[in-house]
Protein backbone atom coordinates (compact mmCIF):
# COMPACT_ATOMS: atom_id res chain seq x y z
CA ALA A 1 0.00 0.00 0.00
CA ALA A 2 2.86 2.38 0.83
CA ARG A 3 4.38 1.82 -2.58
CA GLU A 4 1.19 2.85 -4.33
CA VAL A 5 0.63 5.94 -2.16
CA ILE A 6 4.20 7.23 -2.44
CA ALA A 7 4.43 6.49 -6.17
CA GLU A 8 1.13 8.27 -6.82
CA ARG A 9 1.52 11.30 -4.55
CA GLY A 10 5.26 11.59 -4.11
CA LEU A 11 7.39 11.35 -1.00
CA LEU A 12 6.69 14.89 0.16
CA ALA A 13 2.91 14.63 -0.28
CA ALA A 14 2.43 11.16 1.19
CA SER A 15 1.67 11.12 4.90
CA VAL A 16 1.84 8.39 7.51
CA ARG A 17 -1.94 8.68 7.79
CA ASP A 18 -2.37 8.21 4.01
CA ILE A 19 -0.13 5.13 4.01
CA ALA A 20 -1.79 3.64 7.08
CA GLN A 21 -5.26 4.18 5.62
CA ALA A 22 -4.25 2.58 2.30
CA GLY A 23 -2.77 -0.36 4.18
CA GLY A 24 -5.80 -0.82 6.40
CA VAL A 25 -3.91 -0.20 9.63
CA SER A 26 -3.84 2.61 12.17
CA ALA A 27 -1.29 5.41 11.95
CA GLY A 28 -0.08 4.25 15.38
CA THR A 29 0.64 0.77 14.06
CA LEU A 30 2.65 2.25 11.19
CA THR A 31 4.63 4.61 13.44
CA TYR A 32 5.33 1.74 15.83
CA HIS A 33 7.28 0.04 13.03
CA PHE A 34 8.56 3.06 11.09
CA SER A 35 9.84 6.44 12.20
CA GLY A 36 8.16 8.16 9.26
CA VAL A 37 7.54 8.16 5.53
CA ALA A 38 11.28 8.32 4.74
CA GLU A 39 11.85 5.02 6.51
CA VAL A 40 8.82 3.54 4.76
CA ILE A 41 10.15 4.43 1.29
CA LYS A 42 13.46 2.73 2.09
CA GLU A 43 11.54 -0.41 3.00
CA VAL A 44 9.45 -0.07 -0.17
CA LEU A 45 12.61 0.18 -2.26
CA GLU A 46 14.18 -2.82 -0.56
CA ARG A 47 11.11 -4.81 -1.61
CA GLU A 48 11.29 -3.14 -5.02
CA MET A 49 14.76 -4.59 -5.48
CA ALA A 50 13.43 -8.08 -4.79
CA LEU A 51 10.18 -7.83 -6.74
CA PHE A 52 11.11 -5.60 -9.69
CA TYR A 53 14.90 -5.47 -10.09
CA GLU A 54 15.94 -9.06 -9.40
CA PRO A 55 13.54 -10.72 -11.89
CA ILE A 56 14.75 -8.37 -14.63
CA LEU A 57 18.37 -9.06 -13.80
CA ASP A 58 17.72 -12.81 -13.72
CA LYS A 59 16.14 -12.60 -17.17
CA ALA A 60 19.11 -10.58 -18.47
CA ARG A 61 21.59 -13.11 -17.07
CA GLU A 62 19.70 -15.96 -18.77
CA ALA A 63 20.09 -14.29 -22.18
CA GLU A 64 22.06 -15.96 -24.96
CA ASP A 65 24.80 -13.34 -24.75
CA GLY A 66 25.81 -10.12 -23.01
CA LEU A 67 24.40 -7.84 -25.70
CA GLU A 68 21.01 -9.52 -25.48
CA GLY A 69 21.16 -9.24 -21.69
CA LEU A 70 21.83 -5.51 -21.95
CA GLN A 71 18.88 -5.14 -24.33
CA ILE A 72 16.65 -6.97 -21.85
CA LEU A 73 17.71 -4.51 -19.14
CA ILE A 74 16.94 -1.58 -21.40
CA ASP A 75 13.57 -2.97 -22.49
CA CYS A 76 12.46 -3.87 -18.97
CA PHE A 77 13.76 -0.85 -17.07
CA PHE A 78 12.40 1.55 -19.67
CA ALA A 79 9.03 -0.07 -20.31
CA GLY A 80 6.13 2.35 -20.44
CA ASP A 81 3.79 0.44 -18.14
CA ALA A 82 2.47 1.86 -14.85
CA ARG A 83 4.65 -0.47 -12.75
CA THR A 84 7.86 0.79 -14.35
CA VAL A 85 6.75 4.42 -14.12
CA GLN A 86 6.11 3.93 -10.40
CA HIS A 87 9.50 2.25 -9.98
CA TRP A 88 11.37 5.22 -11.36
CA ARG A 89 9.29 7.81 -9.50
CA LEU A 90 10.03 6.02 -6.23
CA TRP A 91 13.73 6.08 -7.01
CA VAL A 92 13.71 9.77 -7.96
CA ASP A 93 12.05 10.54 -4.62
CA PHE A 94 14.60 8.43 -2.79
CA TRP A 95 17.54 10.08 -4.57
CA SER A 96 16.34 13.41 -3.22
CA LEU A 97 15.99 12.00 0.28
CA SER A 98 19.47 10.43 0.07
CA ALA A 99 21.01 13.77 -0.82
CA HIS A 100 20.21 14.97 2.71
CA ASP A 101 20.57 11.92 4.95
CA GLU A 102 23.77 9.94 5.43
CA GLN A 103 22.01 6.72 6.41
CA TYR A 104 19.81 6.71 3.32
CA ALA A 105 22.71 7.85 1.16
CA ALA A 106 24.80 4.89 2.36
CA TRP A 107 22.04 2.43 1.45
CA GLN A 108 21.44 4.14 -1.90
CA LEU A 109 25.17 4.02 -2.71
CA GLN A 110 25.29 0.32 -1.79
CA THR A 111 22.29 -0.37 -4.03
CA TYR A 112 23.76 1.67 -6.87
CA ARG A 113 27.07 -0.18 -6.51
CA ARG A 114 25.13 -3.42 -6.99
CA TRP A 115 23.41 -1.99 -10.09
CA ARG A 116 26.77 -0.89 -11.50
CA ASP A 117 28.35 -4.30 -10.82
CA ASP A 118 25.40 -6.13 -12.40
CA VAL A 119 25.50 -3.95 -15.51
CA ARG A 120 29.30 -4.25 -15.66
CA SER A 121 29.03 -8.05 -15.65
CA LEU A 122 26.76 -7.92 -18.72
CA PHE A 123 29.12 -5.51 -20.49
CA ALA A 124 32.11 -7.70 -19.57
CA LEU A 125 30.34 -10.74 -21.03
CA ALA A 126 29.58 -8.82 -24.24
CA VAL A 127 33.26 -7.81 -24.48
CA GLU A 128 34.41 -11.37 -23.77
CA GLN A 129 32.09 -12.69 -26.48
CA GLY A 130 33.52 -10.19 -28.94
CA GLY A 131 30.42 -8.05 -29.36
CA LEU A 132 31.72 -4.84 -27.79
CA ASP A 133 34.98 -2.93 -27.82
CA SER A 134 36.91 -3.33 -24.60
CA ALA A 135 39.05 -0.20 -24.55
CA ASP A 136 37.87 0.98 -21.12
CA LEU A 137 35.12 -1.12 -19.63
CA ASP A 138 34.68 0.96 -16.47
CA THR A 139 34.26 4.18 -18.44
CA THR A 140 31.82 2.50 -20.83
CA VAL A 141 29.73 1.25 -17.90
CA ALA A 142 29.83 4.67 -16.19
CA ASP A 143 28.71 6.34 -19.43
CA PHE A 144 25.85 3.86 -19.87
CA LEU A 145 24.66 4.32 -16.28
CA ALA A 146 24.81 8.11 -16.54
CA LEU A 147 22.80 8.01 -19.76
CA ALA A 148 20.27 5.57 -18.25
CA ASP A 149 19.79 7.68 -15.12
CA GLY A 150 19.44 10.88 -17.11
CA LEU A 151 16.94 9.33 -19.48
CA ALA A 152 14.96 7.83 -16.59
CA VAL A 153 14.54 11.25 -15.01
CA GLN A 154 13.45 12.70 -18.34
CA ALA A 155 11.15 9.84 -19.37
CA PHE A 156 9.31 9.07 -16.14
CA LEU A 157 8.41 12.47 -14.77
CA PRO A 158 4.78 13.56 -15.16
CA ARG A 159 4.11 15.02 -18.62
CA ALA A 160 7.70 14.42 -19.67
CA PRO A 161 8.22 15.14 -23.36
CA LEU A 162 10.57 12.16 -23.63
CA ARG A 163 8.69 8.85 -23.59
CA PRO A 164 10.05 5.55 -22.25
CA ALA A 165 10.12 4.25 -25.85
CA ASP A 166 12.38 7.19 -26.78
CA ALA A 167 14.68 6.37 -23.87
CA ARG A 168 14.82 2.70 -24.92
CA ARG A 169 15.72 3.72 -28.46
CA GLN A 170 18.43 6.12 -27.31
CA LEU A 171 19.98 3.53 -24.99
CA SER A 172 19.81 0.83 -27.68
CA ASP A 173 21.41 3.20 -30.20
CA TRP A 174 24.15 3.98 -27.69
CA ILE A 175 24.84 0.26 -27.24
CA ASP A 176 24.97 -0.14 -31.03
CA ARG A 177 27.65 2.58 -31.18
CA GLN A 178 29.73 0.59 -28.69
CA ARG A 179 29.73 -2.54 -30.83
CA LYS A 180 33.05 -3.69 -32.18
CA GLY A 181 34.01 -1.74 -35.24
CA ASN A 182 31.47 1.05 -34.72
CA GLY A 183 33.64 3.16 -32.41
CA PRO A 184 32.27 5.26 -29.54
């Protein structure tokens, strides 16, 4: 219930009372377990990692090759469905929260490190299989992640002029430019 309320209204507009009501519990029950909405969103995102992120990553790892795995990540993380839109809006809210709280920042950095390592493993596989240039793998991964984050912010905000399909295309085109023989 908290996920739906925060994704719909935003972190700043969602109250403990709203979340409790949506979850069918009293505000006192919620505050017994959580210090506030900020702590709730961290819990929501921990579940988000298990329910949204991990299945996508598993599917990408099962791909025939690293390039196909990267395309699966792009297609799934930049889908235009309501679930994916909510996913990114939750993360954008949490990024803002993390900018002002060391505890949340530490967890966000740990989670981002995992994301970077997972993406790096797919790029490394694509390089090993001969599909991508291997000049500087860490820089290539950093560039991809920066592009993905920037496109996510642009594609998943309300009334954004960039659509998720546009973001998918741009990321796929970027990957194509990294293929062996195409040059950066």
